[in-house]
Amino acid sequence: IVAREAAGADWRALIREPSEWRALWN
């Protein structure tokens, strides 16, 4: 389920989002 959801995500938008980097670091 997670892999299927990740395949449909817009990765470029996620990479540009500072909150995503903060969540990854945490």
PDB file of all heavy atoms in Angstrom:
ATOM      1  N   ILE A   1       0.841  -1.205   0.000  1.00  0.00           N
ATOM      2  CA  ILE A   1       0.000   0.000   0.000  1.00  0.00           C
ATOM      3  C   ILE A   1       0.877   1.257   0.000  1.00  0.00           C
ATOM      4  O   ILE A   1       0.640   2.194  -0.770  1.00  0.00           O
ATOM      5  CB  ILE A   1      -0.945   0.003   1.224  1.00  0.00           C
ATOM      6  CG1 ILE A   1      -1.900  -1.180   1.163  1.00  0.00           C
ATOM      7  CG2 ILE A   1      -1.702   1.315   1.326  1.00  0.00           C
ATOM      8  CD1 ILE A   1      -2.839  -1.182  -0.010  1.00  0.00           C
ATOM      9  N   VAL A   2       1.895   1.287   0.849  1.00  0.00           N
ATOM     10  CA  VAL A   2       2.786   2.459   0.921  1.00  0.00           C
ATOM     11  C   VAL A   2       3.531   2.639  -0.392  1.00  0.00           C
ATOM     12  O   VAL A   2       3.665   3.765  -0.891  1.00  0.00           O
ATOM     13  CB  VAL A   2       3.764   2.320   2.110  1.00  0.00           C
ATOM     14  CG1 VAL A   2       4.857   3.369   2.048  1.00  0.00           C
ATOM     15  CG2 VAL A   2       3.008   2.421   3.413  1.00  0.00           C
ATOM     16  N   ALA A   3       4.027   1.561  -0.980  1.00  0.00           N
ATOM     17  CA  ALA A   3       4.748   1.663  -2.251  1.00  0.00           C
ATOM     18  C   ALA A   3       3.839   2.169  -3.359  1.00  0.00           C
ATOM     19  O   ALA A   3       4.252   2.991  -4.186  1.00  0.00           O
ATOM     20  CB  ALA A   3       5.331   0.302  -2.628  1.00  0.00           C
ATOM     21  N   ARG A   4       2.594   1.714  -3.368  1.00  0.00           N
ATOM     22  CA  ARG A   4       1.656   2.171  -4.395  1.00  0.00           C
ATOM     23  C   ARG A   4       1.350   3.654  -4.229  1.00  0.00           C
ATOM     24  O   ARG A   4       1.291   4.402  -5.201  1.00  0.00           O
ATOM     25  CB  ARG A   4       0.376   1.341  -4.318  1.00  0.00           C
ATOM     26  CG  ARG A   4      -0.561   1.626  -5.464  1.00  0.00           C
ATOM     27  CD  ARG A   4      -1.745   0.721  -5.466  1.00  0.00           C
ATOM     28  NE  ARG A   4      -2.410   0.816  -4.163  1.00  0.00           N
ATOM     29  CZ  ARG A   4      -3.371  -0.011  -3.770  1.00  0.00           C
ATOM     30  NH1 ARG A   4      -3.752  -0.991  -4.543  1.00  0.00           N
ATOM     31  NH2 ARG A   4      -3.935   0.132  -2.591  1.00  0.00           N
ATOM     32  N   GLU A   5       1.170   4.104  -2.989  1.00  0.00           N
ATOM     33  CA  GLU A   5       0.913   5.525  -2.739  1.00  0.00           C
ATOM     34  C   GLU A   5       2.135   6.371  -3.099  1.00  0.00           C
ATOM     35  O   GLU A   5       2.006   7.466  -3.638  1.00  0.00           O
ATOM     36  CB  GLU A   5       0.546   5.745  -1.269  1.00  0.00           C
ATOM     37  CG  GLU A   5      -0.777   5.151  -0.867  1.00  0.00           C
ATOM     38  CD  GLU A   5      -1.953   5.899  -1.452  1.00  0.00           C
ATOM     39  OE1 GLU A   5      -1.859   7.122  -1.626  1.00  0.00           O
ATOM     40  OE2 GLU A   5      -2.960   5.237  -1.743  1.00  0.00           O
ATOM     41  N   ALA A   6       3.326   5.862  -2.802  1.00  0.00           N
ATOM     42  CA  ALA A   6       4.551   6.613  -3.090  1.00  0.00           C
ATOM     43  C   ALA A   6       4.783   6.730  -4.589  1.00  0.00           C
ATOM     44  O   ALA A   6       5.301   7.749  -5.067  1.00  0.00           O
ATOM     45  CB  ALA A   6       5.750   5.935  -2.430  1.00  0.00           C
ATOM     46  N   ALA A   7       4.393   5.718  -5.341  1.00  0.00           N
ATOM     47  CA  ALA A   7       4.588   5.759  -6.792  1.00  0.00           C
ATOM     48  C   ALA A   7       3.740   6.848  -7.436  1.00  0.00           C
ATOM     49  O   ALA A   7       4.128   7.422  -8.452  1.00  0.00           O
ATOM     50  CB  ALA A   7       4.253   4.397  -7.400  1.00  0.00           C
ATOM     51  N   GLY A   8       2.607   7.166  -6.824  1.00  0.00           N
ATOM     52  CA  GLY A   8       1.729   8.185  -7.386  1.00  0.00           C
ATOM     53  C   GLY A   8       2.008   9.594  -6.872  1.00  0.00           C
ATOM     54  O   GLY A   8       1.348  10.539  -7.288  1.00  0.00           O
ATOM     55  N   ALA A   9       2.965   9.743  -5.972  1.00  0.00           N
ATOM     56  CA  ALA A   9       3.258  11.054  -5.381  1.00  0.00           C
ATOM     57  C   ALA A   9       4.044  11.926  -6.348  1.00  0.00           C
ATOM     58  O   ALA A   9       4.792  11.440  -7.201  1.00  0.00           O
ATOM     59  CB  ALA A   9       4.046  10.871  -4.084  1.00  0.00           C
ATOM     60  N   ASP A  10       3.884  13.223  -6.204  1.00  0.00           N
ATOM     61  CA  ASP A  10       4.665  14.197  -6.972  1.00  0.00           C
ATOM     62  C   ASP A  10       5.952  14.475  -6.191  1.00  0.00           C
ATOM     63  O   ASP A  10       5.982  15.298  -5.285  1.00  0.00           O
ATOM     64  CB  ASP A  10       3.864  15.477  -7.169  1.00  0.00           C
ATOM     65  CG  ASP A  10       4.608  16.501  -7.999  1.00  0.00           C
ATOM     66  OD1 ASP A  10       5.634  16.137  -8.610  1.00  0.00           O
ATOM     67  OD2 ASP A  10       4.172  17.662  -8.035  1.00  0.00           O
ATOM     68  N   TRP A  11       7.013  13.744  -6.537  1.00  0.00           N
ATOM     69  CA  TRP A  11       8.254  13.808  -5.771  1.00  0.00           C
ATOM     70  C   TRP A  11       8.931  15.164  -5.846  1.00  0.00           C
ATOM     71  O   TRP A  11       9.542  15.608  -4.879  1.00  0.00           O
ATOM     72  CB  TRP A  11       9.209  12.713  -6.241  1.00  0.00           C
ATOM     73  CG  TRP A  11       8.748  11.375  -5.795  1.00  0.00           C
ATOM     74  CD1 TRP A  11       8.037  10.468  -6.514  1.00  0.00           C
ATOM     75  CD2 TRP A  11       8.912  10.814  -4.501  1.00  0.00           C
ATOM     76  NE1 TRP A  11       7.756   9.363  -5.750  1.00  0.00           N
ATOM     77  CE2 TRP A  11       8.281   9.547  -4.504  1.00  0.00           C
ATOM     78  CE3 TRP A  11       9.529  11.255  -3.334  1.00  0.00           C
ATOM     79  CZ2 TRP A  11       8.259   8.737  -3.379  1.00  0.00           C
ATOM     80  CZ3 TRP A  11       9.505  10.425  -2.224  1.00  0.00           C
ATOM     81  CH2 TRP A  11       8.878   9.196  -2.259  1.00  0.00           C
ATOM     82  N   ARG A  12       8.829  15.838  -6.978  1.00  0.00           N
ATOM     83  CA  ARG A  12       9.476  17.156  -7.090  1.00  0.00           C
ATOM     84  C   ARG A  12       8.864  18.154  -6.113  1.00  0.00           C
ATOM     85  O   ARG A  12       9.572  18.951  -5.509  1.00  0.00           O
ATOM     86  CB  ARG A  12       9.379  17.661  -8.518  1.00  0.00           C
ATOM     87  CG  ARG A  12      10.346  16.919  -9.440  1.00  0.00           C
ATOM     88  CD  ARG A  12      10.118  17.325 -10.847  1.00  0.00           C
ATOM     89  NE  ARG A  12       8.907  16.569 -11.248  1.00  0.00           N
ATOM     90  CZ  ARG A  12       8.375  16.569 -12.431  1.00  0.00           C
ATOM     91  NH1 ARG A  12       8.885  17.318 -13.372  1.00  0.00           N
ATOM     92  NH2 ARG A  12       7.328  15.855 -12.719  1.00  0.00           N
ATOM     93  N   ALA A  13       7.554  18.107  -5.947  1.00  0.00           N
ATOM     94  CA  ALA A  13       6.893  19.004  -4.994  1.00  0.00           C
ATOM     95  C   ALA A  13       7.290  18.657  -3.564  1.00  0.00           C
ATOM     96  O   ALA A  13       7.471  19.553  -2.731  1.00  0.00           O
ATOM     97  CB  ALA A  13       5.383  18.930  -5.165  1.00  0.00           C
ATOM     98  N   LEU A  14       7.426  17.367  -3.273  1.00  0.00           N
ATOM     99  CA  LEU A  14       7.812  16.969  -1.914  1.00  0.00           C
ATOM    100  C   LEU A  14       9.238  17.387  -1.583  1.00  0.00           C
ATOM    101  O   LEU A  14       9.528  17.785  -0.457  1.00  0.00           O
ATOM    102  CB  LEU A  14       7.668  15.452  -1.760  1.00  0.00           C
ATOM    103  CG  LEU A  14       6.247  14.909  -1.741  1.00  0.00           C
ATOM    104  CD1 LEU A  14       6.268  13.391  -1.730  1.00  0.00           C
ATOM    105  CD2 LEU A  14       5.486  15.438  -0.549  1.00  0.00           C
ATOM    106  N   ILE A  15      10.132  17.290  -2.568  1.00  0.00           N
ATOM    107  CA  ILE A  15      11.536  17.646  -2.328  1.00  0.00           C
ATOM    108  C   ILE A  15      11.690  19.133  -2.050  1.00  0.00           C
ATOM    109  O   ILE A  15      12.522  19.551  -1.248  1.00  0.00           O
ATOM    110  CB  ILE A  15      12.400  17.203  -3.530  1.00  0.00           C
ATOM    111  CG1 ILE A  15      12.494  15.682  -3.545  1.00  0.00           C
ATOM    112  CG2 ILE A  15      13.788  17.818  -3.479  1.00  0.00           C
ATOM    113  CD1 ILE A  15      13.140  15.113  -4.781  1.00  0.00           C
ATOM    114  N   ARG A  16      10.850  19.941  -2.665  1.00  0.00           N
ATOM    115  CA  ARG A  16      10.934  21.399  -2.482  1.00  0.00           C
ATOM    116  C   ARG A  16      10.294  21.880  -1.190  1.00  0.00           C
ATOM    117  O   ARG A  16      10.486  23.024  -0.802  1.00  0.00           O
ATOM    118  CB  ARG A  16      10.249  22.102  -3.663  1.00  0.00           C
ATOM    119  CG  ARG A  16      11.073  22.046  -4.916  1.00  0.00           C
ATOM    120  CD  ARG A  16      10.441  22.897  -5.995  1.00  0.00           C
ATOM    121  NE  ARG A  16      10.340  22.059  -7.187  1.00  0.00           N
ATOM    122  CZ  ARG A  16       9.231  21.788  -7.845  1.00  0.00           C
ATOM    123  NH1 ARG A  16       8.103  22.316  -7.470  1.00  0.00           N
ATOM    124  NH2 ARG A  16       9.252  21.006  -8.892  1.00  0.00           N
ATOM    125  N   GLU A  17       9.571  21.029  -0.510  1.00  0.00           N
ATOM    126  CA  GLU A  17       8.816  21.431   0.684  1.00  0.00           C
ATOM    127  C   GLU A  17       9.689  21.337   1.940  1.00  0.00           C
ATOM    128  O   GLU A  17      10.127  20.253   2.323  1.00  0.00           O
ATOM    129  CB  GLU A  17       7.597  20.524   0.825  1.00  0.00           C
ATOM    130  CG  GLU A  17       6.602  20.971   1.837  1.00  0.00           C
ATOM    131  CD  GLU A  17       5.914  22.258   1.441  1.00  0.00           C
ATOM    132  OE1 GLU A  17       5.636  22.456   0.250  1.00  0.00           O
ATOM    133  OE2 GLU A  17       5.676  23.076   2.343  1.00  0.00           O
ATOM    134  N   PRO A  18       9.943  22.469   2.621  1.00  0.00           N
ATOM    135  CA  PRO A  18      10.792  22.436   3.822  1.00  0.00           C
ATOM    136  C   PRO A  18      10.206  21.576   4.949  1.00  0.00           C
ATOM    137  O   PRO A  18      10.951  20.953   5.704  1.00  0.00           O
ATOM    138  CB  PRO A  18      10.871  23.898   4.260  1.00  0.00           C
ATOM    139  CG  PRO A  18      10.469  24.693   3.079  1.00  0.00           C
ATOM    140  CD  PRO A  18       9.572  23.840   2.255  1.00  0.00           C
ATOM    141  N   SER A  19       8.908  21.539   5.068  1.00  0.00           N
ATOM    142  CA  SER A  19       8.313  20.741   6.143  1.00  0.00           C
ATOM    143  C   SER A  19       8.571  19.244   5.943  1.00  0.00           C
ATOM    144  O   SER A  19       8.667  18.493   6.915  1.00  0.00           O
ATOM    145  CB  SER A  19       6.808  21.008   6.247  1.00  0.00           C
ATOM    146  OG  SER A  19       6.153  20.607   5.064  1.00  0.00           O
ATOM    147  N   GLU A  20       8.694  18.821   4.691  1.00  0.00           N
ATOM    148  CA  GLU A  20       9.004  17.407   4.421  1.00  0.00           C
ATOM    149  C   GLU A  20      10.418  17.072   4.872  1.00  0.00           C
ATOM    150  O   GLU A  20      10.662  16.002   5.430  1.00  0.00           O
ATOM    151  CB  GLU A  20       8.844  17.091   2.934  1.00  0.00           C
ATOM    152  CG  GLU A  20       7.453  17.298   2.403  1.00  0.00           C
ATOM    153  CD  GLU A  20       6.444  16.330   2.981  1.00  0.00           C
ATOM    154  OE1 GLU A  20       6.822  15.227   3.395  1.00  0.00           O
ATOM    155  OE2 GLU A  20       5.256  16.689   3.004  1.00  0.00           O
ATOM    156  N   TRP A  21      11.359  17.972   4.637  1.00  0.00           N
ATOM    157  CA  TRP A  21      12.738  17.757   5.078  1.00  0.00           C
ATOM    158  C   TRP A  21      12.811  17.741   6.601  1.00  0.00           C
ATOM    159  O   TRP A  21      13.554  16.961   7.190  1.00  0.00           O
ATOM    160  CB  TRP A  21      13.662  18.831   4.512  1.00  0.00           C
ATOM    161  CG  TRP A  21      13.900  18.641   3.052  1.00  0.00           C
ATOM    162  CD1 TRP A  21      13.347  19.370   2.034  1.00  0.00           C
ATOM    163  CD2 TRP A  21      14.719  17.658   2.439  1.00  0.00           C
ATOM    164  NE1 TRP A  21      13.781  18.884   0.831  1.00  0.00           N
ATOM    165  CE2 TRP A  21      14.628  17.831   1.047  1.00  0.00           C
ATOM    166  CE3 TRP A  21      15.520  16.628   2.930  1.00  0.00           C
ATOM    167  CZ2 TRP A  21      15.307  17.031   0.147  1.00  0.00           C
ATOM    168  CZ3 TRP A  21      16.202  15.831   2.034  1.00  0.00           C
ATOM    169  CH2 TRP A  21      16.092  16.039   0.662  1.00  0.00           C
ATOM    170  N   ARG A  22      12.033  18.617   7.242  1.00  0.00           N
ATOM    171  CA  ARG A  22      12.004  18.662   8.704  1.00  0.00           C
ATOM    172  C   ARG A  22      11.434  17.352   9.262  1.00  0.00           C
ATOM    173  O   ARG A  22      11.954  16.804  10.236  1.00  0.00           O
ATOM    174  CB  ARG A  22      11.176  19.865   9.156  1.00  0.00           C
ATOM    175  CG  ARG A  22      11.460  20.306  10.551  1.00  0.00           C
ATOM    176  CD  ARG A  22      10.854  21.671  10.923  1.00  0.00           C
ATOM    177  NE  ARG A  22       9.650  22.051  10.211  1.00  0.00           N
ATOM    178  CZ  ARG A  22       9.591  22.950   9.220  1.00  0.00           C
ATOM    179  NH1 ARG A  22      10.689  23.565   8.825  1.00  0.00           N
ATOM    180  NH2 ARG A  22       8.448  23.259   8.633  1.00  0.00           N
ATOM    181  N   ALA A  23      10.386  16.840   8.632  1.00  0.00           N
ATOM    182  CA  ALA A  23       9.799  15.577   9.069  1.00  0.00           C
ATOM    183  C   ALA A  23      10.788  14.428   8.877  1.00  0.00           C
ATOM    184  O   ALA A  23      10.896  13.539   9.738  1.00  0.00           O
ATOM    185  CB  ALA A  23       8.509  15.300   8.301  1.00  0.00           C
ATOM    186  N   LEU A  24      11.510  14.431   7.766  1.00  0.00           N
ATOM    187  CA  LEU A  24      12.519  13.398   7.524  1.00  0.00           C
ATOM    188  C   LEU A  24      13.618  13.464   8.574  1.00  0.00           C
ATOM    189  O   LEU A  24      14.015  12.436   9.136  1.00  0.00           O
ATOM    190  CB  LEU A  24      13.112  13.552   6.123  1.00  0.00           C
ATOM    191  CG  LEU A  24      14.243  12.598   5.769  1.00  0.00           C
ATOM    192  CD1 LEU A  24      13.756  11.152   5.781  1.00  0.00           C
ATOM    193  CD2 LEU A  24      14.832  12.959   4.413  1.00  0.00           C
ATOM    194  N   TRP A  25      14.118  14.657   8.854  1.00  0.00           N
ATOM    195  CA  TRP A  25      15.164  14.818   9.858  1.00  0.00           C
ATOM    196  C   TRP A  25      14.675  14.351  11.221  1.00  0.00           C
ATOM    197  O   TRP A  25      15.383  13.638  11.940  1.00  0.00           O
ATOM    198  CB  TRP A  25      15.637  16.265   9.924  1.00  0.00           C
ATOM    199  CG  TRP A  25      16.511  16.512  11.107  1.00  0.00           C
ATOM    200  CD1 TRP A  25      16.211  17.244  12.198  1.00  0.00           C
ATOM    201  CD2 TRP A  25      17.825  15.993  11.331  1.00  0.00           C
ATOM    202  NE1 TRP A  25      17.248  17.208  13.087  1.00  0.00           N
ATOM    203  CE2 TRP A  25      18.252  16.452  12.578  1.00  0.00           C
ATOM    204  CE3 TRP A  25      18.671  15.173  10.590  1.00  0.00           C
ATOM    205  CZ2 TRP A  25      19.495  16.132  13.112  1.00  0.00           C
ATOM    206  CZ3 TRP A  25      19.916  14.849  11.125  1.00  0.00           C
ATOM    207  CH2 TRP A  25      20.315  15.327  12.370  1.00  0.00           C
ATOM    208  N   ASN A  26      13.453  14.736  11.607  1.00  0.00           N
ATOM    209  CA  ASN A  26      12.916  14.315  12.901  1.00  0.00           C
ATOM    210  C   ASN A  26      12.782  12.795  12.979  1.00  0.00           C
ATOM    211  O   ASN A  26      13.066  12.196  14.018  1.00  0.00           O
ATOM    212  CB  ASN A  26      11.560  14.975  13.157  1.00  0.00           C
ATOM    213  CG  ASN A  26      11.688  16.449  13.453  1.00  0.00           C
ATOM    214  OD1 ASN A  26      12.748  16.930  13.830  1.00  0.00           O
ATOM    215  ND2 ASN A  26      10.610  17.181  13.261  1.00  0.00           N
TER     216      ASN A  26
END
